[in-house]
Amino acid sequence: MIERRPAGALGRFRNDWLNARYHFSFADWHDPARMGWGALRVWNDDEIAPKSGFPPHGHAEMEIITYVRSGAITHRDSLGNQGRTAAGDVQVMSAGSGIRHAEMNLEDETTTLFQIWIQPGARGGAPSWGARTFPKDDRAGSFVALASGRPDDDGALAIRADARVLGATLKAGDTTRYDLAPGRLAYLATAKGEIEVNGVTLEARDGAAIRDERVLEVRALKDAEVVLVDTV
């Protein structure tokens, strides 16, 4: 089963600095049919205006993964962590027992990103934050783990959940595959370009909720950048 979720049909929020689309119920946008996908609870598609962003606020009991599509985001938190994550790279905040942070676009251009929230496997624990610059060529033509709860995903940022966040860049005409183990769910979004997943076409910024598919065959109809979550 692959359920396409067109970008134009997602939840929406807009103010003077944020233009957001919600794949799942979030804030004041509520759809009882879209409360999450397994442990995946939030997938927001954000456009953040220059010199603006999310002021300090708190989180707890959530793994928060940010995949920057263009521009950059600067993170500061109550643990003293600070870092700038640029396009194509990833940061992970394990909120644990509680943390406060701010996410600001300090650039002169609009920043676009996916923010993905995954429920942890256990409650509590000390909060933490980390970011990584991933060599872009490593993702060319196949899926690479960017954040993962599996110890054998060498190089991926650690999350406290039975889940993986993967990225792939594909040239038009390229095909790659991902094996989905029995009982697991996947959610995929096209960050850029246009793809076909097991015969279902996804345009830029569309999402797809996937279950009961043992193999995902992803073919790029245009040069594409794809983000995939594999979860329970």
Protein backbone atom coordinates (compact mmCIF):
# COMPACT_ATOMS: atom_id res chain seq x y z
CA MET A 1 0.00 0.00 0.00
CA ILE A 2 1.35 3.39 -1.03
CA GLU A 3 -0.83 6.41 -0.23
CA ARG A 4 0.33 9.54 -2.04
CA ARG A 5 -0.11 12.74 -0.08
CA PRO A 6 0.18 15.65 -2.54
CA ALA A 7 1.93 18.76 -1.28
CA GLY A 8 -1.14 20.84 -2.08
CA ALA A 9 -3.33 18.69 0.18
CA LEU A 10 -1.14 18.95 3.28
CA GLY A 11 -2.03 21.01 6.33
CA ARG A 12 -0.98 24.65 6.07
CA PHE A 13 0.18 27.47 8.33
CA ARG A 14 1.55 30.85 7.32
CA ASN A 15 2.60 34.02 9.08
CA ASP A 16 5.05 36.82 8.27
CA TRP A 17 8.15 34.59 8.61
CA LEU A 18 7.02 30.94 8.37
CA ASN A 19 5.31 29.11 5.53
CA ALA A 20 4.68 25.54 6.70
CA ARG A 21 3.05 22.41 5.35
CA TYR A 22 2.14 19.58 7.73
CA HIS A 23 2.14 15.92 6.66
CA PHE A 24 0.55 15.01 10.03
CA SER A 25 -1.64 16.84 12.53
CA PHE A 26 0.34 19.63 14.14
CA ALA A 27 -0.38 22.77 16.18
CA ASP A 28 -3.80 24.13 15.13
CA TRP A 29 -4.13 21.86 12.09
CA HIS A 30 -5.88 18.62 13.04
CA ASP A 31 -6.80 15.65 10.87
CA PRO A 32 -7.80 12.56 12.88
CA ALA A 33 -6.76 10.36 9.93
CA ARG A 34 -3.23 11.80 10.01
CA MET A 35 -2.03 11.58 13.60
CA GLY A 36 1.23 9.84 12.75
CA TRP A 37 2.65 6.78 11.02
CA GLY A 38 3.86 4.26 13.56
CA ALA A 39 6.39 6.02 15.78
CA LEU A 40 6.66 8.86 13.24
CA ARG A 41 4.60 11.69 14.71
CA VAL A 42 5.52 14.89 12.81
CA TRP A 43 6.82 15.72 9.34
CA ASN A 44 6.79 19.46 8.72
CA ASP A 45 7.90 21.13 5.50
CA ASP A 46 9.04 24.61 6.58
CA GLU A 47 10.09 27.73 4.69
CA ILE A 48 11.71 30.20 7.10
CA ALA A 49 12.25 33.80 6.05
CA PRO A 50 15.75 35.37 6.34
CA LYS A 51 16.78 36.72 9.76
CA SER A 52 13.90 34.97 11.55
CA GLY A 53 13.00 31.65 13.09
CA PHE A 54 11.69 29.78 16.10
CA PRO A 55 12.47 31.58 19.39
CA PRO A 56 13.41 29.58 22.52
CA HIS A 57 10.85 26.93 23.39
CA GLY A 58 10.79 23.56 25.13
CA HIS A 59 10.48 19.90 24.12
CA ALA A 60 10.50 16.55 25.93
CA GLU A 61 10.18 12.86 25.02
CA MET A 62 10.79 13.23 21.29
CA GLU A 63 13.56 12.59 18.74
CA ILE A 64 13.65 15.65 16.46
CA ILE A 65 15.51 15.36 13.16
CA THR A 66 16.03 18.37 10.91
CA TYR A 67 16.97 17.87 7.26
CA VAL A 68 17.91 21.16 5.61
CA ARG A 69 16.91 21.39 1.94
CA SER A 70 18.23 24.88 1.16
CA GLY A 71 19.90 27.66 3.13
CA ALA A 72 20.92 26.87 6.70
CA ILE A 73 19.54 26.75 10.24
CA THR A 74 21.38 27.78 13.41
CA HIS A 75 20.62 25.88 16.61
CA ARG A 76 21.10 27.05 20.21
CA ASP A 77 19.90 25.17 23.29
CA SER A 78 19.80 25.18 27.08
CA LEU A 79 22.75 22.74 27.23
CA GLY A 80 24.99 25.33 25.59
CA ASN A 81 25.08 23.61 22.21
CA GLN A 82 25.26 25.80 19.13
CA GLY A 83 25.70 24.90 15.48
CA ARG A 84 24.81 25.77 11.90
CA THR A 85 23.37 23.03 9.66
CA ALA A 86 23.48 23.71 5.92
CA ALA A 87 21.61 22.33 2.92
CA GLY A 88 21.77 18.54 2.59
CA ASP A 89 22.96 18.05 6.16
CA VAL A 90 21.17 16.83 9.27
CA GLN A 91 20.86 17.66 12.96
CA VAL A 92 19.29 15.54 15.70
CA MET A 93 17.96 16.68 19.06
CA SER A 94 16.99 14.00 21.57
CA ALA A 95 14.68 15.96 23.86
CA GLY A 96 14.76 13.30 26.58
CA SER A 97 13.57 14.58 29.96
CA GLY A 98 13.42 18.14 28.64
CA ILE A 99 15.37 20.79 26.72
CA ARG A 100 14.85 24.33 25.44
CA HIS A 101 16.16 25.43 22.07
CA ALA A 102 15.90 28.04 19.33
CA GLU A 103 16.15 27.41 15.59
CA MET A 104 17.00 30.54 13.59
CA ASN A 105 17.60 31.32 9.95
CA LEU A 106 20.46 33.82 10.21
CA GLU A 107 21.06 33.72 6.45
CA ASP A 108 20.22 36.30 3.79
CA GLU A 109 18.03 33.78 1.96
CA THR A 110 14.98 31.71 2.79
CA THR A 111 15.79 28.40 4.48
CA THR A 112 13.72 25.33 3.63
CA LEU A 113 13.79 22.16 5.70
CA PHE A 114 12.00 19.03 6.79
CA GLN A 115 11.50 18.67 10.54
CA ILE A 116 10.75 15.09 11.53
CA TRP A 117 9.65 13.98 15.01
CA ILE A 118 9.88 10.34 16.05
CA GLN A 119 8.64 9.00 19.38
CA PRO A 120 11.49 7.44 21.39
CA GLY A 121 11.56 3.83 22.43
CA ALA A 122 11.74 4.75 26.14
CA ARG A 123 10.90 7.83 28.14
CA GLY A 124 13.36 10.05 29.97
CA GLY A 125 17.09 10.21 29.62
CA ALA A 126 19.44 13.13 29.32
CA PRO A 127 18.76 15.44 26.37
CA SER A 128 21.38 15.77 23.66
CA TRP A 129 22.05 17.44 20.31
CA GLY A 130 24.30 16.65 17.36
CA ALA A 131 24.78 17.57 13.71
CA ARG A 132 26.71 16.16 10.82
CA THR A 133 27.94 17.31 7.45
CA PHE A 134 27.36 14.35 5.14
CA PRO A 135 29.40 14.08 1.93
CA LYS A 136 26.79 14.56 -0.77
CA ASP A 137 28.39 12.03 -3.13
CA ASP A 138 27.75 9.31 -0.53
CA ARG A 139 24.03 9.61 -1.23
CA ALA A 140 24.29 9.52 -5.01
CA GLY A 141 22.18 6.72 -6.45
CA SER A 142 21.23 4.94 -3.22
CA PHE A 143 19.78 5.42 0.25
CA VAL A 144 22.21 6.25 3.05
CA ALA A 145 21.31 6.29 6.78
CA LEU A 146 21.49 9.86 8.13
CA ALA A 147 20.00 9.24 11.58
CA SER A 148 19.35 5.84 13.07
CA GLY A 149 18.58 3.85 16.18
CA ARG A 150 20.53 0.87 14.81
CA PRO A 151 24.08 0.46 16.12
CA ASP A 152 25.27 -1.00 12.81
CA ASP A 153 24.43 2.20 10.86
CA ASP A 154 27.99 3.51 11.07
CA GLY A 155 28.28 7.25 10.69
CA ALA A 156 24.59 8.02 11.13
CA LEU A 157 23.52 10.36 13.91
CA ALA A 158 22.10 8.33 16.81
CA ILE A 159 18.42 8.48 17.73
CA ARG A 160 16.66 6.72 20.62
CA ALA A 161 14.05 4.96 18.49
CA ASP A 162 13.66 1.84 16.39
CA ALA A 163 13.78 3.93 13.23
CA ARG A 164 16.04 5.12 10.44
CA VAL A 165 16.08 8.39 8.51
CA LEU A 166 17.67 7.95 5.09
CA GLY A 167 18.48 10.22 2.17
CA ALA A 168 19.20 9.65 -1.52
CA THR A 169 19.99 11.86 -4.50
CA LEU A 170 19.08 10.49 -7.92
CA LYS A 171 19.74 11.70 -11.44
CA ALA A 172 16.84 11.53 -13.91
CA GLY A 173 16.51 7.92 -15.06
CA ASP A 174 18.35 6.47 -12.02
CA THR A 175 16.70 3.72 -10.00
CA THR A 176 17.42 2.57 -6.46
CA ARG A 177 15.67 0.20 -4.07
CA TYR A 178 15.07 -0.13 -0.38
CA ASP A 179 14.13 -3.37 1.36
CA LEU A 180 11.45 -2.90 4.01
CA ALA A 181 11.36 -5.66 6.62
CA PRO A 182 8.03 -7.34 7.43
CA GLY A 183 5.87 -5.38 9.86
CA ARG A 184 7.66 -2.10 9.29
CA LEU A 185 6.28 1.16 7.93
CA ALA A 186 7.87 3.76 5.69
CA TYR A 187 7.15 7.39 4.97
CA LEU A 188 8.85 9.09 2.06
CA ALA A 189 8.96 12.68 0.83
CA THR A 190 10.47 14.17 -2.30
CA ALA A 191 12.61 17.11 -1.23
CA LYS A 192 13.32 18.03 -4.85
CA GLY A 193 12.46 16.72 -8.29
CA GLU A 194 10.00 14.00 -9.28
CA ILE A 195 10.09 10.26 -8.65
CA GLU A 196 8.12 7.07 -9.08
CA VAL A 197 7.81 4.63 -6.15
CA ASN A 198 6.51 1.19 -7.11
CA GLY A 199 4.60 2.86 -9.94
CA VAL A 200 3.22 5.77 -7.86
CA THR A 201 4.40 9.20 -9.04
CA LEU A 202 5.46 11.77 -6.46
CA GLU A 203 6.17 15.37 -7.38
CA ALA A 204 8.36 17.78 -5.41
CA ARG A 205 7.35 17.97 -1.73
CA ASP A 206 4.71 15.21 -1.99
CA GLY A 207 4.68 12.55 0.69
CA ALA A 208 3.83 8.85 0.64
CA ALA A 209 2.68 6.62 3.51
CA ILE A 210 3.85 3.06 2.83
CA ARG A 211 3.06 -0.32 4.38
CA ASP A 212 2.99 -3.98 3.28
CA GLU A 213 5.59 -3.33 0.58
CA ARG A 214 8.65 -5.58 0.85
CA VAL A 215 10.72 -3.66 -1.70
CA LEU A 216 10.57 0.01 -2.66
CA GLU A 217 11.72 0.66 -6.20
CA VAL A 218 12.43 4.37 -6.57
CA ARG A 219 12.98 5.80 -10.04
CA ALA A 220 13.83 9.45 -10.69
CA LEU A 221 11.70 11.05 -13.40
CA LYS A 222 13.65 14.28 -12.86
CA ASP A 223 16.82 14.91 -10.81
CA ALA A 224 15.58 14.21 -7.28
CA GLU A 225 16.42 14.34 -3.59
CA VAL A 226 14.47 11.93 -1.40
CA VAL A 227 14.09 11.48 2.37
CA LEU A 228 12.74 8.22 3.80
CA VAL A 229 11.81 7.14 7.34
CA ASP A 230 11.73 3.41 8.17
CA THR A 231 9.91 2.83 11.48
CA VAL A 232 7.66 0.55 13.50
